[in-house]
Amino acid sequence: MEQFRKIVSKDTWVWKEDEEGSYLVKSAYSALQHNYARENSKLFKSLWTIKALPSTQHFIWKMLLDKILAKVNLEYKGVGTGNSM
């Protein structure tokens, strides 16, 4: 789940939507509301009306959500990419 991140120095999970790292229903609800509002913006709504292959629309949707794991994103998330990319 991407709302959790692993702390390297401790064997514990942290909820990144809360300043103290504690899971709260309130913060989860707020995160869901934020995602819902973002995905229902004019930009997202217009994405599904363009004449393109569904796979292209899906790719653009993932790109807008910053879910495309480019080399920079992989390195940021601590995934070793080596020099092959």
Protein backbone atom coordinates (compact mmCIF):
# COMPACT_ATOMS: atom_id res chain seq x y z
CA MET A 1 0.00 0.00 0.00
CA GLU A 2 1.61 3.27 -1.01
CA GLN A 3 0.24 5.22 1.98
CA PHE A 4 2.68 3.27 4.14
CA ARG A 5 6.42 3.59 3.91
CA LYS A 6 9.09 1.47 5.50
CA ILE A 7 11.42 3.19 7.97
CA VAL A 8 14.93 1.94 7.29
CA SER A 9 16.26 2.33 10.82
CA LYS A 10 13.29 0.70 12.56
CA ASP A 11 11.17 -2.33 11.86
CA THR A 12 7.91 -0.43 11.77
CA TRP A 13 5.35 0.91 9.32
CA VAL A 14 4.40 4.57 9.12
CA TRP A 15 1.20 6.11 7.73
CA LYS A 16 2.52 9.02 5.64
CA GLU A 17 -0.81 10.86 5.65
CA ASP A 18 -0.35 11.68 9.35
CA GLU A 19 2.47 13.86 10.76
CA GLU A 20 3.12 11.38 13.58
CA GLY A 21 2.92 8.37 11.27
CA SER A 22 -0.14 6.93 13.00
CA TYR A 23 -3.04 5.54 10.98
CA LEU A 24 -6.20 7.51 11.58
CA VAL A 25 -9.52 6.96 9.88
CA LYS A 26 -9.77 10.75 9.56
CA SER A 27 -6.49 10.96 7.62
CA ALA A 28 -7.47 8.00 5.42
CA TYR A 29 -10.81 9.62 4.65
CA SER A 30 -9.07 12.91 3.86
CA ALA A 31 -6.62 11.16 1.51
CA LEU A 32 -9.48 9.39 -0.27
CA GLN A 33 -11.41 12.65 -0.63
CA HIS A 34 -8.32 14.36 -2.05
CA ASN A 35 -7.80 11.57 -4.60
CA TYR A 36 -11.50 11.62 -5.53
CA ALA A 37 -11.46 15.38 -6.08
CA ARG A 38 -8.29 15.17 -8.14
CA GLU A 39 -9.59 12.37 -10.34
CA ASN A 40 -12.87 14.19 -10.92
CA SER A 41 -11.24 17.38 -12.11
CA LYS A 42 -11.91 18.66 -15.63
CA LEU A 43 -8.57 17.29 -16.80
CA PHE A 44 -9.35 13.76 -15.69
CA LYS A 45 -12.89 13.90 -17.01
CA SER A 46 -11.69 15.10 -20.41
CA LEU A 47 -9.12 12.32 -20.54
CA TRP A 48 -11.83 9.68 -20.91
CA THR A 49 -13.52 11.58 -23.75
CA ILE A 50 -10.52 11.76 -26.10
CA LYS A 51 -10.45 9.43 -29.06
CA ALA A 52 -7.58 7.13 -28.21
CA LEU A 53 -6.99 3.49 -27.45
CA PRO A 54 -8.01 2.51 -23.92
CA SER A 55 -4.39 1.50 -23.25
CA THR A 56 -3.27 5.02 -24.22
CA GLN A 57 -5.90 6.59 -21.97
CA HIS A 58 -4.79 4.32 -19.14
CA PHE A 59 -1.14 5.28 -19.66
CA ILE A 60 -2.00 9.01 -19.60
CA TRP A 61 -4.14 8.48 -16.50
CA LYS A 62 -1.23 6.77 -14.72
CA MET A 63 1.13 9.51 -15.88
CA LEU A 64 -1.13 12.24 -14.48
CA LEU A 65 -1.25 10.41 -11.15
CA ASP A 66 2.57 10.16 -11.20
CA LYS A 67 2.38 6.36 -11.18
CA ILE A 68 4.79 5.76 -14.06
CA LEU A 69 7.89 4.27 -12.50
CA ALA A 70 10.59 6.07 -14.43
CA LYS A 71 14.21 5.62 -13.37
CA VAL A 72 14.08 8.71 -11.13
CA ASN A 73 10.95 7.44 -9.35
CA LEU A 74 12.44 3.97 -8.94
CA GLU A 75 15.63 5.39 -7.44
CA TYR A 76 13.59 7.67 -5.16
CA LYS A 77 11.68 4.62 -3.92
CA GLY A 78 14.96 2.80 -3.27
CA VAL A 79 14.66 0.30 -6.12
CA GLY A 80 18.07 -0.50 -7.58
CA THR A 81 18.11 0.29 -11.27
CA GLY A 82 21.79 -0.24 -12.03
CA ASN A 83 23.18 1.24 -15.20
CA SER A 84 21.01 -0.77 -17.56
CA MET A 85 18.34 1.98 -17.94
